[in-house]
Amino acid sequence: MLYVRTILYSAISLVVLFVFTKLIGKRQISNLSLFDYINGMVIGSIAAEMAIGIDDNIWVGVVAMTFYGVSVYVMDVIDRKSIRARRFFSGTPTVLFKNGKFLKNNFKRAQLSISEFQEMCRIAGYFDISRIALAQLEPSGKLSVLPKSEEEPLTVTVLTNKITPAFAPISVIYDGVILDTNLKHAGKNETWLRRALERAHYSLSDIFLATVDGEGELTLYPASDHLR
């Protein structure tokens, strides 16, 4: 009877885990926020206790898993809808190296050593740091590298245009919301942005992402629910 109960409890916990995993979505472990990661560990612990039947009342475990699972789903929705919430729970990119200089305070904030940074650069394919214009640590813990202009792969665009300083495009619209701070960093203002949208015959709600490059050019990426 004990073995039958263990199998039954394990099956129920597995079903509940599967449901909440589907709710969280298809994300890699490295892309989970700290909140998601903590809840994942707690839900896993509860599922393990349910499987071995420490508590004869299995519904206590189901209710606990449901609470944590729903909280993950709710926070995920808030994270997608609110830029401030996303920055609080997921964090923001941290610039570690720019224009030949290391940002020492950002290294301390990221709790990263120089040797670890060099290893991440090598993994990204840059054994020589002098080839890098900018490197930043993403909230997922991965290193994003922007090479210097002369180090970029040879393309038709590179051949037909003069070399300009490397510059990471700045996002100025996320999911229909204007990022005022980023817009200022790009040297633009809201009036300029809205006029550009009007000329392109777009409304703010149509734009999923918009970026401004080093030349001050705006690139719009409208949202669509259908592939064409």
Protein backbone atom coordinates (compact mmCIF):
# COMPACT_ATOMS: atom_id res chain seq x y z
CA MET A 1 0.00 0.00 0.00
CA LEU A 2 2.89 2.33 0.79
CA TYR A 3 4.40 1.85 -2.65
CA VAL A 4 1.06 2.42 -4.38
CA ARG A 5 0.56 5.64 -2.43
CA THR A 6 4.10 6.78 -3.30
CA ILE A 7 3.49 6.18 -7.00
CA LEU A 8 0.13 7.98 -6.82
CA TYR A 9 1.58 10.99 -4.98
CA SER A 10 4.51 11.14 -7.38
CA ALA A 11 2.16 11.13 -10.36
CA ILE A 12 0.04 13.94 -8.90
CA SER A 13 3.09 16.07 -8.05
CA LEU A 14 4.47 15.49 -11.55
CA VAL A 15 1.21 16.65 -13.14
CA VAL A 16 1.12 19.79 -10.98
CA LEU A 17 4.77 20.55 -11.79
CA PHE A 18 4.07 20.11 -15.51
CA VAL A 19 1.14 22.54 -15.38
CA PHE A 20 3.13 25.27 -13.65
CA THR A 21 6.12 24.75 -15.92
CA LYS A 22 3.83 25.40 -18.89
CA LEU A 23 2.60 28.57 -17.19
CA ILE A 24 6.13 29.88 -16.66
CA GLY A 25 6.89 29.40 -20.35
CA LYS A 26 9.81 28.24 -22.47
CA ARG A 27 12.77 29.88 -20.80
CA GLN A 28 16.23 28.52 -20.10
CA ILE A 29 17.40 28.21 -16.52
CA SER A 30 19.94 31.00 -17.11
CA ASN A 31 17.11 33.33 -18.18
CA LEU A 32 15.00 32.83 -15.07
CA SER A 33 14.73 35.78 -12.71
CA LEU A 34 15.85 35.40 -9.09
CA PHE A 35 12.19 35.26 -8.05
CA ASP A 36 11.47 32.46 -10.55
CA TYR A 37 14.55 30.53 -9.46
CA ILE A 38 13.69 30.69 -5.76
CA ASN A 39 10.09 29.68 -6.37
CA GLY A 40 11.25 26.85 -8.62
CA MET A 41 13.39 25.42 -5.82
CA VAL A 42 10.55 25.72 -3.29
CA ILE A 43 8.02 24.07 -5.63
CA GLY A 44 10.47 21.27 -6.35
CA SER A 45 10.99 20.68 -2.62
CA ILE A 46 7.25 20.53 -2.02
CA ALA A 47 6.83 18.10 -4.92
CA ALA A 48 9.53 15.85 -3.47
CA GLU A 49 7.82 15.81 -0.07
CA MET A 50 4.50 15.02 -1.74
CA ALA A 51 6.08 12.12 -3.64
CA ILE A 52 7.42 10.36 -0.53
CA GLY A 53 4.24 11.11 1.38
CA ILE A 54 5.67 12.85 4.45
CA ASP A 55 2.25 14.39 4.98
CA ASP A 56 -0.67 11.99 4.51
CA ASN A 57 -2.84 14.90 3.31
CA ILE A 58 -1.63 15.36 -0.25
CA TRP A 59 -3.88 18.35 -0.81
CA VAL A 60 -1.77 20.41 1.59
CA GLY A 61 1.13 20.02 -0.84
CA VAL A 62 -1.08 20.72 -3.86
CA VAL A 63 -2.35 23.96 -2.29
CA ALA A 64 1.21 25.04 -1.42
CA MET A 65 2.46 24.29 -4.95
CA THR A 66 -0.54 26.10 -6.41
CA PHE A 67 0.22 29.21 -4.34
CA TYR A 68 3.85 29.33 -5.43
CA GLY A 69 3.02 28.46 -9.03
CA VAL A 70 0.37 31.17 -9.31
CA SER A 71 2.72 33.70 -7.71
CA VAL A 72 5.35 32.94 -10.37
CA TYR A 73 2.75 33.38 -13.13
CA VAL A 74 1.44 36.67 -11.67
CA MET A 75 4.93 38.10 -11.25
CA ASP A 76 5.78 37.04 -14.81
CA VAL A 77 2.75 38.98 -16.11
CA ILE A 78 3.72 42.04 -14.04
CA ASP A 79 7.31 41.72 -15.30
CA ARG A 80 6.11 41.83 -18.93
CA LYS A 81 3.71 44.74 -18.40
CA SER A 82 5.80 46.98 -16.15
CA ILE A 83 9.28 48.22 -17.05
CA ARG A 84 9.97 49.22 -13.44
CA ALA A 85 8.97 45.79 -12.16
CA ARG A 86 11.15 44.13 -14.81
CA ARG A 87 14.14 46.19 -13.74
CA PHE A 88 13.50 45.43 -10.06
CA PHE A 89 13.01 41.67 -10.39
CA SER A 90 15.20 40.89 -13.40
CA GLY A 91 17.76 43.68 -13.11
CA THR A 92 19.38 45.76 -15.85
CA PRO A 93 22.52 45.23 -17.96
CA THR A 94 25.76 46.24 -16.24
CA VAL A 95 28.49 47.80 -18.40
CA LEU A 96 31.86 46.31 -17.43
CA PHE A 97 34.17 47.54 -20.17
CA LYS A 98 33.83 50.51 -22.51
CA ASN A 99 36.23 52.37 -24.79
CA GLY A 100 39.31 50.64 -23.38
CA LYS A 101 38.40 51.19 -19.73
CA PHE A 102 37.09 48.87 -17.03
CA LEU A 103 34.29 50.11 -14.79
CA LYS A 104 35.63 48.97 -11.43
CA ASN A 105 32.52 49.78 -9.39
CA ASN A 106 30.35 47.76 -11.77
CA PHE A 107 32.69 44.79 -11.36
CA LYS A 108 32.16 45.00 -7.59
CA ARG A 109 28.41 45.33 -8.04
CA ALA A 110 28.34 42.28 -10.31
CA GLN A 111 30.70 40.38 -7.94
CA LEU A 112 32.86 39.49 -10.92
CA SER A 113 36.63 39.15 -11.10
CA ILE A 114 38.89 40.13 -13.99
CA SER A 115 39.77 36.48 -14.63
CA GLU A 116 36.09 35.57 -14.83
CA PHE A 117 35.52 38.45 -17.23
CA GLN A 118 38.40 37.26 -19.42
CA GLU A 119 36.98 33.75 -19.45
CA MET A 120 33.58 35.05 -20.55
CA CYS A 121 35.25 37.09 -23.30
CA ARG A 122 37.09 33.99 -24.54
CA ILE A 123 33.85 32.00 -24.57
CA ALA A 124 32.32 34.80 -26.67
CA GLY A 125 35.25 34.45 -29.09
CA TYR A 126 37.36 37.43 -27.98
CA PHE A 127 40.76 36.35 -26.70
CA ASP A 128 42.09 39.88 -27.16
CA ILE A 129 40.18 42.46 -25.12
CA SER A 130 41.60 45.26 -27.26
CA ARG A 131 39.18 44.12 -30.01
CA ILE A 132 36.20 44.98 -27.81
CA ALA A 133 34.44 48.35 -27.82
CA LEU A 134 31.89 47.50 -25.13
CA ALA A 135 31.07 44.53 -22.91
CA GLN A 136 28.12 44.31 -20.57
CA LEU A 137 26.75 41.70 -18.20
CA GLU A 138 23.11 40.87 -18.93
CA PRO A 139 20.56 40.15 -16.17
CA SER A 140 20.73 36.47 -17.24
CA GLY A 141 24.41 36.41 -16.26
CA LYS A 142 25.67 36.23 -19.85
CA LEU A 143 28.21 38.62 -21.32
CA SER A 144 27.26 40.64 -24.39
CA VAL A 145 30.15 41.98 -26.45
CA LEU A 146 30.17 44.77 -29.02
CA PRO A 147 33.33 44.55 -31.18
CA LYS A 148 35.15 47.57 -32.50
CA SER A 149 34.07 48.65 -35.97
CA GLU A 150 37.26 47.38 -37.61
CA GLU A 151 36.73 43.98 -35.97
CA GLU A 152 33.23 43.42 -37.37
CA PRO A 153 32.75 40.63 -39.93
CA LEU A 154 33.27 41.68 -43.55
CA THR A 155 29.90 42.36 -45.20
CA VAL A 156 28.59 44.30 -48.16
CA THR A 157 27.53 47.08 -45.79
CA VAL A 158 31.02 47.33 -44.35
CA LEU A 159 32.56 47.42 -47.83
CA THR A 160 30.26 50.13 -49.16
CA ASN A 161 30.25 52.39 -46.11
CA LYS A 162 32.90 54.20 -44.16
CA ILE A 163 33.87 52.79 -40.78
CA THR A 164 32.10 54.53 -37.92
CA PRO A 165 32.74 54.12 -34.19
CA ALA A 166 31.03 51.07 -32.66
CA PHE A 167 27.86 52.03 -30.84
CA ALA A 168 25.26 49.78 -29.23
CA PRO A 169 21.76 50.84 -30.33
CA ILE A 170 19.72 52.29 -27.48
CA SER A 171 16.18 51.01 -26.95
CA VAL A 172 13.73 53.90 -26.71
CA ILE A 173 10.41 52.02 -26.88
CA TYR A 174 9.49 48.74 -25.19
CA ASP A 175 6.08 47.27 -25.95
CA GLY A 176 4.41 50.61 -26.64
CA VAL A 177 6.08 52.41 -23.70
CA ILE A 178 8.59 55.25 -24.20
CA LEU A 179 11.81 54.86 -22.20
CA ASP A 180 12.46 58.47 -21.24
CA THR A 181 15.90 57.90 -19.69
CA ASN A 182 17.16 55.94 -22.69
CA LEU A 183 15.73 58.56 -25.04
CA LYS A 184 17.76 61.26 -23.30
CA HIS A 185 20.91 59.14 -23.50
CA ALA A 186 20.32 58.85 -27.24
CA GLY A 187 20.22 62.65 -27.45
CA LYS A 188 16.55 62.71 -28.48
CA ASN A 189 13.26 63.79 -26.95
CA GLU A 190 9.66 62.61 -26.97
CA THR A 191 8.57 65.23 -29.50
CA TRP A 192 11.16 63.98 -31.99
CA LEU A 193 10.10 60.38 -31.38
CA ARG A 194 6.38 61.01 -31.84
CA ARG A 195 6.99 62.96 -35.06
CA ALA A 196 9.08 60.06 -36.36
CA LEU A 197 6.22 57.69 -35.56
CA GLU A 198 3.77 59.93 -37.40
CA ARG A 199 5.99 60.05 -40.49
CA ALA A 200 6.18 56.25 -40.45
CA HIS A 201 2.38 56.06 -40.01
CA TYR A 202 2.62 54.18 -36.71
CA SER A 203 1.03 54.82 -33.34
CA LEU A 204 2.98 54.21 -30.14
CA SER A 205 0.94 51.11 -29.33
CA ASP A 206 1.94 49.56 -32.69
CA ILE A 207 5.64 49.47 -31.77
CA PHE A 208 7.06 46.52 -29.86
CA LEU A 209 10.65 47.77 -29.96
CA ALA A 210 12.37 50.92 -31.25
CA THR A 211 16.09 51.69 -31.15
CA VAL A 212 18.35 54.65 -31.93
CA ASP A 213 21.82 53.93 -33.34
CA GLY A 214 25.06 55.90 -33.22
CA GLU A 215 24.03 57.92 -36.27
CA GLY A 216 20.84 59.02 -34.53
CA GLU A 217 18.74 56.87 -36.85
CA LEU A 218 15.51 55.42 -35.48
CA THR A 219 14.61 51.81 -36.25
CA LEU A 220 11.05 50.67 -35.59
CA TYR A 221 9.96 47.09 -34.98
CA PRO A 222 6.15 46.91 -35.05
CA ALA A 223 4.29 44.14 -33.27
CA SER A 224 2.24 41.58 -35.15
CA ASP A 225 0.16 38.61 -34.07
CA HIS A 226 0.56 36.85 -37.40
CA LEU A 227 3.44 35.71 -39.56
CA ARG A 228 3.46 37.04 -43.10
